[in-house]
Amino acid sequence: MKESFEELVRIMEILRSKCPWDRQQTHESLKKYLIEETYEVIEAIDEKNDAKLKEELGDLLLQVVFHDRIAQERGVFDIYEVIHDICQKMKQRHTHVFGEDSFETAEKVLQNWDRVKSKEKEIKTVAEAMQSIPKHLPALMRSYKVQEKAARVGFDWDNYKDALKKVYEELGEFEENLSKNSGQEKLQEELGDILFAVVNVARFFNIDPEEALSKTVKKFITRFSYIEQQAEKQGKKLNEMTLKDMDKFWEEAKKI
């Protein structure tokens, strides 16, 4: 038996009236759960796990309904206004589908999306468009989006080699500040410049830096797990092994 969307809305209304925990929640207290559920959806997609994806999408939808219920209690909007607004937005920003425009490439569609969005939000400058990118996005993702907007108006390197040179230049500046015993704040600034430059290189190859780093973290954990397993086989704890021994198992893990 299929439950209706209205049933989910009704369940949330009941929870808000009868469950002590649900009743005390606010938009602010629920932020961490919204972020958590979003990343669990992404994890299910990465794992290509359809059953998990179905479950996590449900959890994410629950968060949407939860926030909406709180807003409705505050008298600011309800879920049907939310649905109405997103429907109107999709129609307005897909003028090649619901209007008379014609775009043959995905890139042209994105350019039109940005144009319509800027008009809706009264964004008049590129800097304002950059500032409109959510500040709570992961920094690598936000950097990528900022650089994209700059590139669309011609503020970009001619090719990836120039972008790569900038990485080496920033590394040199970081090393120079190390030799000068610069303070923590300056080192943080220079390290930020390195990361920003690396994101630029990633952009030239259409590589999502956030995803690339996530995969590297996963790879590191897998290889480190192998080192732990080998240490256990030898009846040792990691802090009893030398770095040379650990490096040996690390290289083995790479080959595996």
Protein backbone atom coordinates (compact mmCIF):
# COMPACT_ATOMS: atom_id res chain seq x y z
CA MET A 1 0.00 0.00 0.00
CA LYS A 2 1.39 3.36 -1.03
CA GLU A 3 1.35 6.15 1.51
CA SER A 4 0.52 9.62 0.24
CA PHE A 5 2.63 12.72 0.69
CA GLU A 6 -0.24 14.17 2.71
CA GLU A 7 0.12 11.25 5.15
CA LEU A 8 3.75 12.17 5.80
CA VAL A 9 2.71 15.78 6.41
CA ARG A 10 0.00 14.56 8.83
CA ILE A 11 2.47 12.32 10.70
CA MET A 12 4.82 15.27 11.20
CA GLU A 13 1.95 17.38 12.49
CA ILE A 14 1.13 14.66 15.06
CA LEU A 15 4.79 14.30 16.09
CA ARG A 16 5.08 18.03 16.66
CA SER A 17 2.09 17.95 18.97
CA LYS A 18 2.72 14.71 20.88
CA CYS A 19 6.45 13.86 20.85
CA PRO A 20 8.59 15.82 23.37
CA TRP A 21 11.74 15.60 21.23
CA ASP A 22 10.08 16.62 17.97
CA ARG A 23 8.21 19.41 19.72
CA GLN A 24 11.38 21.10 21.01
CA GLN A 25 13.19 21.16 17.66
CA THR A 26 13.86 24.40 15.74
CA HIS A 27 15.27 25.25 12.32
CA GLU A 28 18.63 25.82 14.01
CA SER A 29 18.67 22.57 16.01
CA LEU A 30 17.81 20.56 12.88
CA LYS A 31 20.62 21.94 10.72
CA LYS A 32 23.07 19.19 11.64
CA TYR A 33 20.51 16.49 10.78
CA LEU A 34 19.77 18.08 7.42
CA ILE A 35 23.48 18.09 6.56
CA GLU A 36 23.92 14.53 7.83
CA GLU A 37 20.99 13.19 5.81
CA THR A 38 22.21 14.97 2.68
CA TYR A 39 25.62 13.32 2.94
CA GLU A 40 24.03 9.93 3.56
CA VAL A 41 22.12 10.33 0.29
CA ILE A 42 25.40 11.12 -1.46
CA GLU A 43 27.04 8.07 0.13
CA ALA A 44 24.22 5.83 -1.13
CA ILE A 45 24.69 7.24 -4.64
CA ASP A 46 28.44 6.62 -4.50
CA GLU A 47 27.83 3.05 -3.34
CA LYS A 48 25.25 2.56 -6.12
CA ASN A 49 22.99 1.09 -3.43
CA ASP A 50 19.41 1.63 -4.59
CA ALA A 51 17.79 0.25 -1.43
CA LYS A 52 19.90 2.56 0.72
CA LEU A 53 19.24 5.49 -1.62
CA LYS A 54 15.48 4.97 -1.28
CA GLU A 55 15.78 4.96 2.51
CA GLU A 56 18.06 8.00 2.67
CA LEU A 57 15.89 10.01 0.28
CA GLY A 58 13.01 9.31 2.64
CA ASP A 59 15.07 10.58 5.58
CA LEU A 60 15.95 13.71 3.63
CA LEU A 61 12.32 14.27 2.65
CA LEU A 62 11.39 13.98 6.32
CA GLN A 63 13.78 16.83 7.10
CA VAL A 64 12.10 18.99 4.45
CA VAL A 65 8.67 18.27 5.92
CA PHE A 66 10.00 18.86 9.45
CA HIS A 67 11.34 22.31 8.58
CA ASP A 68 8.16 23.12 6.72
CA ARG A 69 6.00 22.17 9.72
CA ILE A 70 8.00 24.48 11.97
CA ALA A 71 7.60 27.28 9.42
CA GLN A 72 3.86 26.61 9.20
CA GLU A 73 3.55 26.85 12.99
CA ARG A 74 5.34 30.19 12.78
CA GLY A 75 2.80 31.31 10.19
CA VAL A 76 5.33 32.03 7.42
CA PHE A 77 4.58 29.34 4.79
CA ASP A 78 3.39 25.77 4.32
CA ILE A 79 4.58 22.82 2.23
CA TYR A 80 2.24 23.61 -0.65
CA GLU A 81 3.73 27.08 -0.99
CA VAL A 82 7.16 25.44 -1.05
CA ILE A 83 6.03 23.10 -3.84
CA HIS A 84 4.39 25.95 -5.75
CA ASP A 85 7.53 28.08 -5.62
CA ILE A 86 9.86 25.32 -6.81
CA CYS A 87 7.49 24.47 -9.68
CA GLN A 88 7.45 28.10 -10.77
CA LYS A 89 11.24 28.33 -10.46
CA MET A 90 11.76 25.27 -12.69
CA LYS A 91 9.48 26.73 -15.35
CA GLN A 92 11.11 30.15 -15.22
CA ARG A 93 14.66 28.80 -15.40
CA HIS A 94 13.99 26.25 -18.16
CA THR A 95 12.89 28.74 -20.78
CA HIS A 96 14.00 26.31 -23.51
CA VAL A 97 11.44 23.76 -22.25
CA PHE A 98 8.57 25.92 -20.97
CA GLY A 99 9.26 28.99 -23.10
CA GLU A 100 10.43 29.96 -26.55
CA ASP A 101 14.21 29.80 -26.10
CA SER A 102 16.30 27.13 -27.79
CA PHE A 103 19.59 25.82 -26.38
CA GLU A 104 21.47 22.93 -27.97
CA THR A 105 24.09 22.29 -25.26
CA ALA A 106 24.08 21.74 -21.51
CA GLU A 107 26.54 24.63 -21.16
CA LYS A 108 24.08 27.02 -22.81
CA VAL A 109 21.36 25.77 -20.46
CA LEU A 110 23.58 26.52 -17.45
CA GLN A 111 24.40 29.99 -18.76
CA ASN A 112 20.69 30.73 -19.16
CA TRP A 113 20.02 29.35 -15.66
CA ASP A 114 22.59 31.76 -14.22
CA ARG A 115 21.15 34.64 -16.24
CA VAL A 116 17.58 34.03 -15.05
CA LYS A 117 18.72 33.40 -11.48
CA SER A 118 20.68 36.67 -11.42
CA LYS A 119 17.64 38.55 -12.70
CA GLU A 120 15.38 36.93 -10.08
CA LYS A 121 17.73 37.75 -7.22
CA GLU A 122 18.69 41.18 -8.64
CA ILE A 123 22.35 40.18 -8.83
CA LYS A 124 24.08 42.79 -10.98
CA THR A 125 27.79 42.03 -10.65
CA VAL A 126 30.01 38.94 -10.80
CA ALA A 127 31.22 39.67 -7.26
CA GLU A 128 27.60 39.65 -6.03
CA ALA A 129 27.10 36.32 -7.82
CA MET A 130 30.16 34.95 -5.99
CA GLN A 131 28.87 36.24 -2.66
CA SER A 132 25.53 34.52 -3.30
CA ILE A 133 27.22 31.09 -3.27
CA PRO A 134 26.28 29.52 0.10
CA LYS A 135 29.00 30.13 2.68
CA HIS A 136 28.30 26.80 4.36
CA LEU A 137 29.31 24.79 1.30
CA PRO A 138 32.52 22.77 1.75
CA ALA A 139 35.38 25.18 0.97
CA LEU A 140 36.68 23.15 -1.99
CA MET A 141 33.23 23.13 -3.58
CA ARG A 142 32.72 26.83 -2.94
CA SER A 143 36.15 27.62 -4.41
CA TYR A 144 35.26 25.70 -7.57
CA LYS A 145 32.00 27.61 -8.00
CA VAL A 146 33.68 30.98 -7.39
CA GLN A 147 36.34 30.20 -10.00
CA GLU A 148 33.70 29.08 -12.51
CA LYS A 149 31.97 32.45 -12.25
CA ALA A 150 35.26 34.28 -12.75
CA ALA A 151 36.12 32.10 -15.75
CA ARG A 152 32.80 32.84 -17.46
CA VAL A 153 33.77 36.50 -17.80
CA GLY A 154 37.30 35.71 -18.99
CA PHE A 155 39.20 35.93 -15.69
CA ASP A 156 41.03 32.64 -16.10
CA TRP A 157 44.31 31.03 -17.03
CA ASP A 158 44.84 30.28 -20.73
CA ASN A 159 45.53 26.61 -20.04
CA TYR A 160 46.10 24.07 -17.27
CA LYS A 161 49.90 24.54 -17.42
CA ASP A 162 49.58 28.13 -16.27
CA ALA A 163 47.23 27.01 -13.49
CA LEU A 164 49.77 24.37 -12.47
CA LYS A 165 52.56 26.95 -12.38
CA LYS A 166 50.45 28.93 -9.92
CA VAL A 167 50.36 25.90 -7.60
CA TYR A 168 54.18 25.74 -7.60
CA GLU A 169 54.35 29.51 -7.06
CA GLU A 170 52.07 29.28 -4.02
CA LEU A 171 54.07 26.34 -2.67
CA GLY A 172 57.19 28.49 -2.97
CA GLU A 173 55.55 31.33 -1.04
CA PHE A 174 54.50 28.91 1.69
CA GLU A 175 58.03 27.54 1.96
CA GLU A 176 59.43 31.08 2.05
CA ASN A 177 57.17 31.97 4.96
CA LEU A 178 58.21 28.82 6.76
CA SER A 179 61.85 29.87 6.47
CA LYS A 180 60.93 33.31 7.85
CA ASN A 181 59.17 31.70 10.81
CA SER A 182 55.99 33.55 9.87
CA GLY A 183 53.10 33.34 12.29
CA GLN A 184 50.23 30.89 12.18
CA GLU A 185 47.86 33.36 10.54
CA LYS A 186 50.21 34.01 7.61
CA LEU A 187 50.88 30.31 7.12
CA GLN A 188 47.15 29.64 7.11
CA GLU A 189 46.70 32.31 4.44
CA GLU A 190 49.44 30.84 2.25
CA LEU A 191 48.12 27.31 2.66
CA GLY A 192 44.68 28.55 1.62
CA ASP A 193 46.26 30.02 -1.52
CA ILE A 194 47.79 26.62 -2.33
CA LEU A 195 44.46 24.85 -1.97
CA PHE A 196 42.69 27.49 -4.06
CA ALA A 197 45.30 27.09 -6.81
CA VAL A 198 44.91 23.29 -6.76
CA VAL A 199 41.15 23.71 -7.20
CA ASN A 200 41.89 25.77 -10.31
CA VAL A 201 43.87 22.87 -11.79
CA ALA A 202 41.04 20.47 -10.97
CA ARG A 203 38.59 22.75 -12.76
CA PHE A 204 40.58 22.59 -16.00
CA PHE A 205 40.02 18.83 -16.06
CA ASN A 206 36.40 18.94 -14.83
CA ILE A 207 37.44 17.13 -11.66
CA ASP A 208 35.34 17.75 -8.58
CA PRO A 209 38.03 18.52 -5.95
CA GLU A 210 35.70 17.60 -3.09
CA GLU A 211 35.04 14.18 -4.59
CA ALA A 212 38.70 13.68 -5.50
CA LEU A 213 39.81 14.40 -1.93
CA SER A 214 37.08 12.15 -0.51
CA LYS A 215 38.32 9.26 -2.64
CA THR A 216 41.89 9.88 -1.49
CA VAL A 217 40.78 9.83 2.15
CA LYS A 218 38.99 6.53 1.53
CA LYS A 219 42.10 5.13 -0.14
CA PHE A 220 44.29 6.25 2.76
CA ILE A 221 42.01 4.54 5.28
CA THR A 222 42.03 1.32 3.25
CA ARG A 223 45.82 1.26 3.08
CA PHE A 224 46.20 2.15 6.73
CA SER A 225 43.83 -0.67 7.61
CA TYR A 226 46.16 -3.04 5.76
CA ILE A 227 49.09 -1.83 7.89
CA GLU A 228 47.09 -2.52 11.06
CA GLN A 229 46.17 -5.99 9.83
CA GLN A 230 49.81 -6.85 9.10
CA ALA A 231 50.90 -5.53 12.48
CA GLU A 232 48.29 -7.70 14.18
CA LYS A 233 49.54 -10.76 12.30
CA GLN A 234 52.99 -10.07 13.77
CA GLY A 235 51.52 -9.66 17.24
CA LYS A 236 52.44 -5.98 17.34
CA LYS A 237 50.66 -2.71 18.02
CA LEU A 238 51.18 0.15 15.60
CA ASN A 239 53.10 2.23 18.14
CA GLU A 240 55.53 -0.69 18.48
CA MET A 241 56.40 -0.63 14.77
CA THR A 242 59.02 1.54 13.13
CA LEU A 243 58.09 3.99 10.40
CA LYS A 244 60.19 1.88 8.03
CA ASP A 245 58.08 -1.19 8.81
CA MET A 246 54.87 0.76 8.29
CA ASP A 247 56.16 2.19 5.00
CA LYS A 248 56.90 -1.36 3.82
CA PHE A 249 53.31 -2.45 4.43
CA TRP A 250 52.03 0.79 2.89
CA GLU A 251 53.83 -0.04 -0.34
CA GLU A 252 52.39 -3.55 -0.22
CA ALA A 253 48.91 -2.09 0.20
CA LYS A 254 49.45 0.13 -2.85
CA LYS A 255 50.29 -2.91 -4.99
CA ILE A 256 47.27 -4.81 -3.72
